All heavy atoms as atom14 arrays in JSON, in Angstrom:
{
  "sequence": "IDSFDKTADFFAENSADVAKVVKECGADIAIDFTHPKSVIDNMK",
  "atom14_mask": [
    [1, 1, 1, 1, 1, 1, 1, 1, 0, 0, 0, 0, 0, 0],
    [1, 1, 1, 1, 1, 1, 1, 1, 0, 0, 0, 0, 0, 0],
    [1, 1, 1, 1, 1, 1, 0, 0, 0, 0, 0, 0, 0, 0],
    [1, 1, 1, 1, 1, 1, 1, 1, 1, 1, 1, 0, 0, 0],
    [1, 1, 1, 1, 1, 1, 1, 1, 0, 0, 0, 0, 0, 0],
    [1, 1, 1, 1, 1, 1, 1, 1, 1, 0, 0, 0, 0, 0],
    [1, 1, 1, 1, 1, 1, 1, 0, 0, 0, 0, 0, 0, 0],
    [1, 1, 1, 1, 1, 0, 0, 0, 0, 0, 0, 0, 0, 0],
    [1, 1, 1, 1, 1, 1, 1, 1, 0, 0, 0, 0, 0, 0],
    [1, 1, 1, 1, 1, 1, 1, 1, 1, 1, 1, 0, 0, 0],
    [1, 1, 1, 1, 1, 1, 1, 1, 1, 1, 1, 0, 0, 0],
    [1, 1, 1, 1, 1, 0, 0, 0, 0, 0, 0, 0, 0, 0],
    [1, 1, 1, 1, 1, 1, 1, 1, 1, 0, 0, 0, 0, 0],
    [1, 1, 1, 1, 1, 1, 1, 1, 0, 0, 0, 0, 0, 0],
    [1, 1, 1, 1, 1, 1, 0, 0, 0, 0, 0, 0, 0, 0],
    [1, 1, 1, 1, 1, 0, 0, 0, 0, 0, 0, 0, 0, 0],
    [1, 1, 1, 1, 1, 1, 1, 1, 0, 0, 0, 0, 0, 0],
    [1, 1, 1, 1, 1, 1, 1, 0, 0, 0, 0, 0, 0, 0],
    [1, 1, 1, 1, 1, 0, 0, 0, 0, 0, 0, 0, 0, 0],
    [1, 1, 1, 1, 1, 1, 1, 1, 1, 0, 0, 0, 0, 0],
    [1, 1, 1, 1, 1, 1, 1, 0, 0, 0, 0, 0, 0, 0],
    [1, 1, 1, 1, 1, 1, 1, 0, 0, 0, 0, 0, 0, 0],
    [1, 1, 1, 1, 1, 1, 1, 1, 1, 0, 0, 0, 0, 0],
    [1, 1, 1, 1, 1, 1, 1, 1, 1, 0, 0, 0, 0, 0],
    [1, 1, 1, 1, 1, 1, 0, 0, 0, 0, 0, 0, 0, 0],
    [1, 1, 1, 1, 0, 0, 0, 0, 0, 0, 0, 0, 0, 0],
    [1, 1, 1, 1, 1, 0, 0, 0, 0, 0, 0, 0, 0, 0],
    [1, 1, 1, 1, 1, 1, 1, 1, 0, 0, 0, 0, 0, 0],
    [1, 1, 1, 1, 1, 1, 1, 1, 0, 0, 0, 0, 0, 0],
    [1, 1, 1, 1, 1, 0, 0, 0, 0, 0, 0, 0, 0, 0],
    [1, 1, 1, 1, 1, 1, 1, 1, 0, 0, 0, 0, 0, 0],
    [1, 1, 1, 1, 1, 1, 1, 1, 0, 0, 0, 0, 0, 0],
    [1, 1, 1, 1, 1, 1, 1, 1, 1, 1, 1, 0, 0, 0],
    [1, 1, 1, 1, 1, 1, 1, 0, 0, 0, 0, 0, 0, 0],
    [1, 1, 1, 1, 1, 1, 1, 1, 1, 1, 0, 0, 0, 0],
    [1, 1, 1, 1, 1, 1, 1, 0, 0, 0, 0, 0, 0, 0],
    [1, 1, 1, 1, 1, 1, 1, 1, 1, 0, 0, 0, 0, 0],
    [1, 1, 1, 1, 1, 1, 0, 0, 0, 0, 0, 0, 0, 0],
    [1, 1, 1, 1, 1, 1, 1, 0, 0, 0, 0, 0, 0, 0],
    [1, 1, 1, 1, 1, 1, 1, 1, 0, 0, 0, 0, 0, 0],
    [1, 1, 1, 1, 1, 1, 1, 1, 0, 0, 0, 0, 0, 0],
    [1, 1, 1, 1, 1, 1, 1, 1, 0, 0, 0, 0, 0, 0],
    [1, 1, 1, 1, 1, 1, 1, 1, 0, 0, 0, 0, 0, 0],
    [1, 1, 1, 1, 1, 1, 1, 1, 1, 0, 0, 0, 0, 0]
  ],
  "atom14_positions": [
    [[88.22, 78.74, 86.83], [89.59, 78.18, 87.07], [90.57, 79.31, 87.26], [90.63, 80.23, 86.41], [90.04, 77.29, 85.88], [88.99, 76.26, 85.54], [91.37, 76.62, 86.22], [89.23, 75.53, 84.23], [0.0, 0.0, 0.0], [0.0, 0.0, 0.0], [0.0, 0.0, 0.0], [0.0, 0.0, 0.0], [0.0, 0.0, 0.0], [0.0, 0.0, 0.0]],
    [[91.38, 79.25, 88.37], [92.36, 80.3, 88.62], [93.48, 79.72, 89.46], [93.3, 78.77, 90.17], [91.65, 81.51, 89.28], [92.48, 82.79, 89.15], [93.35, 83.01, 89.9], [92.14, 83.52, 88.18], [0.0, 0.0, 0.0], [0.0, 0.0, 0.0], [0.0, 0.0, 0.0], [0.0, 0.0, 0.0], [0.0, 0.0, 0.0], [0.0, 0.0, 0.0]],
    [[94.63, 80.47, 89.39], [95.79, 80.04, 90.14], [96.0, 80.93, 91.35], [96.93, 80.75, 92.08], [97.05, 79.97, 89.29], [97.23, 81.23, 88.61], [0.0, 0.0, 0.0], [0.0, 0.0, 0.0], [0.0, 0.0, 0.0], [0.0, 0.0, 0.0], [0.0, 0.0, 0.0], [0.0, 0.0, 0.0], [0.0, 0.0, 0.0], [0.0, 0.0, 0.0]],
    [[95.13, 81.99, 91.42], [95.3, 82.96, 92.54], [94.0, 83.12, 93.36], [93.95, 83.11, 94.59], [95.78, 84.27, 92.07], [97.11, 84.28, 91.37], [97.23, 84.26, 89.99], [98.29, 84.23, 92.14], [98.49, 84.22, 89.38], [99.56, 84.13, 91.58], [99.68, 84.18, 90.15], [0.0, 0.0, 0.0], [0.0, 0.0, 0.0], [0.0, 0.0, 0.0]],
    [[92.9, 83.35, 92.64], [91.63, 83.68, 93.3], [91.04, 82.4, 93.95], [90.64, 81.46, 93.28], [90.66, 84.23, 92.34], [89.45, 84.88, 92.9], [88.98, 84.36, 93.97], [88.98, 85.92, 92.44], [0.0, 0.0, 0.0], [0.0, 0.0, 0.0], [0.0, 0.0, 0.0], [0.0, 0.0, 0.0], [0.0, 0.0, 0.0], [0.0, 0.0, 0.0]],
    [[90.93, 82.4, 95.27], [90.47, 81.23, 95.97], [88.93, 81.01, 95.88], [88.43, 79.97, 96.27], [90.86, 81.36, 97.47], [92.41, 81.29, 97.65], [92.74, 81.38, 99.14], [94.27, 81.28, 99.31], [94.67, 81.36, 100.76], [0.0, 0.0, 0.0], [0.0, 0.0, 0.0], [0.0, 0.0, 0.0], [0.0, 0.0, 0.0], [0.0, 0.0, 0.0]],
    [[88.26, 82.05, 95.3], [86.8, 81.9, 95.22], [86.48, 81.16, 93.87], [85.27, 80.85, 93.62], [86.09, 83.23, 95.15], [86.49, 84.02, 94.01], [86.46, 84.04, 96.44], [0.0, 0.0, 0.0], [0.0, 0.0, 0.0], [0.0, 0.0, 0.0], [0.0, 0.0, 0.0], [0.0, 0.0, 0.0], [0.0, 0.0, 0.0], [0.0, 0.0, 0.0]],
    [[87.47, 80.89, 93.07], [87.19, 80.14, 91.79], [86.78, 78.67, 92.15], [87.14, 78.17, 93.16], [88.49, 80.14, 90.93], [0.0, 0.0, 0.0], [0.0, 0.0, 0.0], [0.0, 0.0, 0.0], [0.0, 0.0, 0.0], [0.0, 0.0, 0.0], [0.0, 0.0, 0.0], [0.0, 0.0, 0.0], [0.0, 0.0, 0.0], [0.0, 0.0, 0.0]],
    [[86.05, 78.11, 91.21], [85.66, 76.75, 91.46], [86.76, 75.7, 91.49], [86.75, 74.75, 92.23], [84.64, 76.23, 90.35], [83.39, 77.12, 90.32], [82.83, 77.33, 91.38], [82.99, 77.52, 89.23], [0.0, 0.0, 0.0], [0.0, 0.0, 0.0], [0.0, 0.0, 0.0], [0.0, 0.0, 0.0], [0.0, 0.0, 0.0], [0.0, 0.0, 0.0]],
    [[87.84, 76.0, 90.7], [88.92, 75.09, 90.65], [90.29, 75.86, 90.73], [90.42, 76.93, 90.19], [88.92, 74.21, 89.38], [87.73, 73.31, 89.23], [86.62, 73.75, 88.45], [87.72, 72.14, 89.81], [85.52, 72.97, 88.35], [86.59, 71.26, 89.67], [85.5, 71.67, 88.93], [0.0, 0.0, 0.0], [0.0, 0.0, 0.0], [0.0, 0.0, 0.0]],
    [[91.24, 75.24, 91.37], [92.64, 75.79, 91.46], [93.46, 75.06, 90.44], [93.43, 73.85, 90.35], [93.2, 75.68, 92.82], [94.63, 76.08, 92.93], [95.0, 77.41, 93.05], [95.65, 75.1, 92.89], [96.35, 77.78, 93.14], [97.0, 75.51, 92.92], [97.32, 76.83, 93.07], [0.0, 0.0, 0.0], [0.0, 0.0, 0.0], [0.0, 0.0, 0.0]],
    [[94.24, 75.79, 89.65], [95.15, 75.1, 88.7], [96.47, 75.85, 88.79], [96.63, 77.01, 88.54], [94.59, 75.28, 87.28], [0.0, 0.0, 0.0], [0.0, 0.0, 0.0], [0.0, 0.0, 0.0], [0.0, 0.0, 0.0], [0.0, 0.0, 0.0], [0.0, 0.0, 0.0], [0.0, 0.0, 0.0], [0.0, 0.0, 0.0], [0.0, 0.0, 0.0]],
    [[97.47, 75.08, 89.16], [98.84, 75.62, 89.33], [99.53, 75.9, 88.06], [100.38, 76.81, 87.96], [99.65, 74.67, 90.2], [100.93, 75.25, 90.68], [101.65, 74.35, 91.74], [101.03, 73.34, 92.11], [102.76, 74.67, 92.07], [0.0, 0.0, 0.0], [0.0, 0.0, 0.0], [0.0, 0.0, 0.0], [0.0, 0.0, 0.0], [0.0, 0.0, 0.0]],
    [[99.24, 75.15, 87.0], [99.95, 75.28, 85.68], [99.02, 74.96, 84.6], [97.85, 74.6, 84.8], [101.23, 74.43, 85.68], [100.92, 72.94, 85.99], [99.99, 72.4, 85.5], [101.71, 72.41, 86.91], [0.0, 0.0, 0.0], [0.0, 0.0, 0.0], [0.0, 0.0, 0.0], [0.0, 0.0, 0.0], [0.0, 0.0, 0.0], [0.0, 0.0, 0.0]],
    [[99.49, 75.05, 83.35], [98.72, 74.88, 82.18], [98.16, 73.42, 82.03], [97.05, 73.14, 81.59], [99.45, 75.24, 80.9], [99.73, 76.65, 80.91], [0.0, 0.0, 0.0], [0.0, 0.0, 0.0], [0.0, 0.0, 0.0], [0.0, 0.0, 0.0], [0.0, 0.0, 0.0], [0.0, 0.0, 0.0], [0.0, 0.0, 0.0], [0.0, 0.0, 0.0]],
    [[98.98, 72.48, 82.45], [98.57, 71.04, 82.43], [97.35, 70.85, 83.36], [96.41, 70.17, 83.03], [99.73, 70.13, 82.85], [0.0, 0.0, 0.0], [0.0, 0.0, 0.0], [0.0, 0.0, 0.0], [0.0, 0.0, 0.0], [0.0, 0.0, 0.0], [0.0, 0.0, 0.0], [0.0, 0.0, 0.0], [0.0, 0.0, 0.0], [0.0, 0.0, 0.0]],
    [[97.41, 71.5, 84.53], [96.31, 71.4, 85.49], [95.04, 72.07, 84.87], [93.93, 71.52, 85.04], [96.62, 72.06, 86.79], [97.69, 71.35, 87.64], [97.84, 70.16, 87.31], [98.22, 71.93, 88.53], [0.0, 0.0, 0.0], [0.0, 0.0, 0.0], [0.0, 0.0, 0.0], [0.0, 0.0, 0.0], [0.0, 0.0, 0.0], [0.0, 0.0, 0.0]],
    [[95.24, 73.19, 84.17], [94.13, 73.91, 83.57], [93.44, 73.01, 82.52], [92.17, 72.84, 82.59], [94.63, 75.21, 82.87], [93.48, 75.79, 82.0], [95.04, 76.24, 83.9], [0.0, 0.0, 0.0], [0.0, 0.0, 0.0], [0.0, 0.0, 0.0], [0.0, 0.0, 0.0], [0.0, 0.0, 0.0], [0.0, 0.0, 0.0], [0.0, 0.0, 0.0]],
    [[94.17, 72.35, 81.71], [93.67, 71.51, 80.64], [92.92, 70.3, 81.29], [91.86, 69.91, 80.78], [94.76, 71.0, 79.67], [0.0, 0.0, 0.0], [0.0, 0.0, 0.0], [0.0, 0.0, 0.0], [0.0, 0.0, 0.0], [0.0, 0.0, 0.0], [0.0, 0.0, 0.0], [0.0, 0.0, 0.0], [0.0, 0.0, 0.0], [0.0, 0.0, 0.0]],
    [[93.49, 69.75, 82.36], [92.91, 68.62, 83.05], [91.52, 69.04, 83.57], [90.53, 68.25, 83.42], [93.78, 68.11, 84.17], [93.26, 66.91, 84.88], [94.21, 66.47, 85.97], [93.65, 65.29, 86.77], [94.58, 64.86, 87.85], [0.0, 0.0, 0.0], [0.0, 0.0, 0.0], [0.0, 0.0, 0.0], [0.0, 0.0, 0.0], [0.0, 0.0, 0.0]],
    [[91.46, 70.21, 84.24], [90.2, 70.66, 84.76], [89.18, 70.91, 83.7], [87.99, 70.6, 83.87], [90.38, 71.94, 85.66], [89.05, 72.5, 86.1], [91.22, 71.54, 86.9], [0.0, 0.0, 0.0], [0.0, 0.0, 0.0], [0.0, 0.0, 0.0], [0.0, 0.0, 0.0], [0.0, 0.0, 0.0], [0.0, 0.0, 0.0], [0.0, 0.0, 0.0]],
    [[89.62, 71.6, 82.61], [88.7, 71.91, 81.51], [88.04, 70.65, 80.97], [86.84, 70.64, 80.75], [89.5, 72.65, 80.43], [88.63, 72.73, 79.11], [89.88, 74.1, 80.81], [0.0, 0.0, 0.0], [0.0, 0.0, 0.0], [0.0, 0.0, 0.0], [0.0, 0.0, 0.0], [0.0, 0.0, 0.0], [0.0, 0.0, 0.0], [0.0, 0.0, 0.0]],
    [[88.86, 69.62, 80.85], [88.31, 68.38, 80.27], [87.41, 67.65, 81.29], [86.36, 67.17, 80.93], [89.54, 67.43, 79.91], [89.11, 66.26, 79.07], [90.33, 65.55, 78.54], [89.94, 64.37, 77.63], [91.12, 63.69, 77.02], [0.0, 0.0, 0.0], [0.0, 0.0, 0.0], [0.0, 0.0, 0.0], [0.0, 0.0, 0.0], [0.0, 0.0, 0.0]],
    [[87.86, 67.62, 82.56], [87.11, 66.88, 83.52], [85.73, 67.55, 83.9], [84.84, 66.86, 84.33], [87.95, 66.69, 84.8], [89.12, 65.72, 84.63], [89.92, 65.51, 85.89], [89.67, 66.3, 86.87], [90.79, 64.63, 85.9], [0.0, 0.0, 0.0], [0.0, 0.0, 0.0], [0.0, 0.0, 0.0], [0.0, 0.0, 0.0], [0.0, 0.0, 0.0]],
    [[85.67, 68.85, 83.74], [84.41, 69.53, 84.08], [83.39, 69.48, 82.92], [82.27, 70.05, 83.03], [84.64, 70.93, 84.5], [85.1, 72.11, 83.26], [0.0, 0.0, 0.0], [0.0, 0.0, 0.0], [0.0, 0.0, 0.0], [0.0, 0.0, 0.0], [0.0, 0.0, 0.0], [0.0, 0.0, 0.0], [0.0, 0.0, 0.0], [0.0, 0.0, 0.0]],
    [[83.8, 68.81, 81.84], [82.86, 68.59, 80.73], [82.52, 69.88, 79.96], [81.4, 69.95, 79.36], [0.0, 0.0, 0.0], [0.0, 0.0, 0.0], [0.0, 0.0, 0.0], [0.0, 0.0, 0.0], [0.0, 0.0, 0.0], [0.0, 0.0, 0.0], [0.0, 0.0, 0.0], [0.0, 0.0, 0.0], [0.0, 0.0, 0.0], [0.0, 0.0, 0.0]],
    [[83.48, 70.77, 79.82], [83.25, 72.01, 79.09], [83.04, 71.78, 77.63], [83.69, 70.97, 77.0], [84.42, 72.96, 79.34], [0.0, 0.0, 0.0], [0.0, 0.0, 0.0], [0.0, 0.0, 0.0], [0.0, 0.0, 0.0], [0.0, 0.0, 0.0], [0.0, 0.0, 0.0], [0.0, 0.0, 0.0], [0.0, 0.0, 0.0], [0.0, 0.0, 0.0]],
    [[82.05, 72.59, 77.08], [81.9, 72.63, 75.6], [82.86, 73.65, 75.01], [83.27, 73.51, 73.84], [80.45, 73.05, 75.27], [79.46, 71.99, 75.79], [79.62, 70.83, 75.52], [78.51, 72.41, 76.5], [0.0, 0.0, 0.0], [0.0, 0.0, 0.0], [0.0, 0.0, 0.0], [0.0, 0.0, 0.0], [0.0, 0.0, 0.0], [0.0, 0.0, 0.0]],
    [[83.12, 74.71, 75.77], [84.02, 75.81, 75.32], [84.83, 76.28, 76.51], [84.33, 76.32, 77.65], [83.15, 77.01, 74.85], [82.4, 76.71, 73.57], [84.05, 78.28, 74.65], [83.22, 76.75, 72.29], [0.0, 0.0, 0.0], [0.0, 0.0, 0.0], [0.0, 0.0, 0.0], [0.0, 0.0, 0.0], [0.0, 0.0, 0.0], [0.0, 0.0, 0.0]],
    [[86.08, 76.65, 76.25], [86.95, 77.24, 77.28], [87.22, 78.68, 76.9], [87.47, 78.97, 75.74], [88.21, 76.45, 77.39], [0.0, 0.0, 0.0], [0.0, 0.0, 0.0], [0.0, 0.0, 0.0], [0.0, 0.0, 0.0], [0.0, 0.0, 0.0], [0.0, 0.0, 0.0], [0.0, 0.0, 0.0], [0.0, 0.0, 0.0], [0.0, 0.0, 0.0]],
    [[87.17, 79.58, 77.87], [87.48, 81.02, 77.61], [88.71, 81.36, 78.45], [88.75, 81.15, 79.67], [86.28, 81.89, 78.0], [85.01, 81.54, 77.22], [86.63, 83.34, 77.76], [83.79, 82.37, 77.65], [0.0, 0.0, 0.0], [0.0, 0.0, 0.0], [0.0, 0.0, 0.0], [0.0, 0.0, 0.0], [0.0, 0.0, 0.0], [0.0, 0.0, 0.0]],
    [[89.69, 81.97, 77.81], [90.93, 82.34, 78.53], [91.1, 83.88, 78.62], [91.16, 84.53, 77.59], [92.17, 81.74, 77.77], [93.46, 81.96, 78.52], [93.82, 83.11, 78.78], [94.15, 80.97, 78.85], [0.0, 0.0, 0.0], [0.0, 0.0, 0.0], [0.0, 0.0, 0.0], [0.0, 0.0, 0.0], [0.0, 0.0, 0.0], [0.0, 0.0, 0.0]],
    [[91.06, 84.38, 79.79], [91.39, 85.78, 80.08], [92.43, 85.73, 81.2], [92.1, 86.01, 82.37], [90.18, 86.58, 80.47], [89.44, 87.21, 79.33], [88.57, 86.44, 78.6], [89.59, 88.58, 79.01], [87.85, 87.0, 77.54], [88.89, 89.1, 77.94], [88.0, 88.36, 77.21], [0.0, 0.0, 0.0], [0.0, 0.0, 0.0], [0.0, 0.0, 0.0]],
    [[93.65, 85.36, 80.84], [94.67, 85.14, 81.9], [95.82, 86.2, 81.71], [95.58, 87.42, 82.01], [95.25, 83.76, 81.87], [95.68, 83.37, 80.51], [94.13, 82.74, 82.27], [0.0, 0.0, 0.0], [0.0, 0.0, 0.0], [0.0, 0.0, 0.0], [0.0, 0.0, 0.0], [0.0, 0.0, 0.0], [0.0, 0.0, 0.0], [0.0, 0.0, 0.0]],
    [[96.98, 85.73, 81.29], [98.16, 86.66, 81.22], [98.99, 86.23, 80.06], [99.06, 85.05, 79.67], [98.97, 86.47, 82.55], [100.05, 87.48, 82.67], [101.26, 87.32, 82.1], [100.03, 88.63, 83.4], [101.98, 88.44, 82.42], [101.29, 89.22, 83.18], [0.0, 0.0, 0.0], [0.0, 0.0, 0.0], [0.0, 0.0, 0.0], [0.0, 0.0, 0.0]],
    [[99.66, 87.16, 79.4], [100.48, 86.84, 78.22], [101.51, 85.8, 78.54], [101.91, 85.01, 77.59], [101.17, 88.15, 77.89], [100.21, 89.2, 78.41], [99.59, 88.64, 79.61], [0.0, 0.0, 0.0], [0.0, 0.0, 0.0], [0.0, 0.0, 0.0], [0.0, 0.0, 0.0], [0.0, 0.0, 0.0], [0.0, 0.0, 0.0], [0.0, 0.0, 0.0]],
    [[102.01, 85.66, 79.75], [103.06, 84.69, 80.09], [102.5, 83.25, 80.15], [103.27, 82.33, 80.02], [103.7, 85.06, 81.41], [104.54, 86.31, 81.38], [105.24, 86.58, 82.73], [106.1, 87.87, 82.69], [106.71, 88.12, 83.99], [0.0, 0.0, 0.0], [0.0, 0.0, 0.0], [0.0, 0.0, 0.0], [0.0, 0.0, 0.0], [0.0, 0.0, 0.0]],
    [[101.21, 83.12, 80.29], [100.66, 81.8, 80.46], [99.8, 81.39, 79.25], [99.49, 80.18, 79.12], [99.86, 81.67, 81.74], [98.77, 82.68, 81.75], [0.0, 0.0, 0.0], [0.0, 0.0, 0.0], [0.0, 0.0, 0.0], [0.0, 0.0, 0.0], [0.0, 0.0, 0.0], [0.0, 0.0, 0.0], [0.0, 0.0, 0.0], [0.0, 0.0, 0.0]],
    [[99.33, 82.31, 78.48], [98.3, 81.96, 77.51], [98.79, 80.98, 76.42], [98.0, 80.12, 76.02], [97.72, 83.24, 76.83], [98.78, 83.99, 75.98], [96.5, 82.93, 75.99], [0.0, 0.0, 0.0], [0.0, 0.0, 0.0], [0.0, 0.0, 0.0], [0.0, 0.0, 0.0], [0.0, 0.0, 0.0], [0.0, 0.0, 0.0], [0.0, 0.0, 0.0]],
    [[100.03, 81.12, 76.0], [100.5, 80.16, 74.96], [100.56, 78.76, 75.54], [100.18, 77.83, 74.85], [101.9, 80.58, 74.47], [101.78, 81.9, 73.65], [102.48, 79.49, 73.54], [101.09, 81.87, 72.35], [0.0, 0.0, 0.0], [0.0, 0.0, 0.0], [0.0, 0.0, 0.0], [0.0, 0.0, 0.0], [0.0, 0.0, 0.0], [0.0, 0.0, 0.0]],
    [[101.08, 78.59, 76.77], [101.1, 77.29, 77.37], [99.71, 76.74, 77.58], [99.47, 75.54, 77.38], [101.84, 77.36, 78.71], [103.36, 77.52, 78.57], [103.88, 77.2, 77.44], [103.99, 77.98, 79.5], [0.0, 0.0, 0.0], [0.0, 0.0, 0.0], [0.0, 0.0, 0.0], [0.0, 0.0, 0.0], [0.0, 0.0, 0.0], [0.0, 0.0, 0.0]],
    [[98.76, 77.64, 77.92], [97.36, 77.17, 78.04], [96.85, 76.66, 76.68], [96.19, 75.63, 76.62], [96.5, 78.33, 78.49], [96.67, 78.63, 79.97], [97.33, 77.89, 80.68], [96.21, 79.77, 80.44], [0.0, 0.0, 0.0], [0.0, 0.0, 0.0], [0.0, 0.0, 0.0], [0.0, 0.0, 0.0], [0.0, 0.0, 0.0], [0.0, 0.0, 0.0]],
    [[97.12, 77.4, 75.62], [96.68, 76.95, 74.25], [97.31, 75.54, 73.95], [96.58, 74.66, 73.45], [97.14, 77.94, 73.21], [96.43, 79.26, 73.24], [97.0, 80.29, 71.84], [96.45, 81.9, 72.39], [0.0, 0.0, 0.0], [0.0, 0.0, 0.0], [0.0, 0.0, 0.0], [0.0, 0.0, 0.0], [0.0, 0.0, 0.0], [0.0, 0.0, 0.0]],
    [[98.63, 75.39, 74.24], [99.27, 74.16, 73.95], [98.67, 72.99, 74.69], [98.68, 71.84, 74.2], [100.75, 74.27, 74.21], [101.53, 75.12, 73.26], [103.02, 75.24, 73.6], [103.77, 76.08, 72.63], [105.2, 76.16, 72.96], [0.0, 0.0, 0.0], [0.0, 0.0, 0.0], [0.0, 0.0, 0.0], [0.0, 0.0, 0.0], [0.0, 0.0, 0.0]]
  ]
}
């Protein structure tokens, strides 16, 4: 999942989109290596 790299499986514009994709793809675990400006919102 990425908001810039077009080769990613899913595009997510914001943290709400990220969470929606994480849930819909049936993930057991999510791994975040993004940016300090977005990581807290991703956690929330």
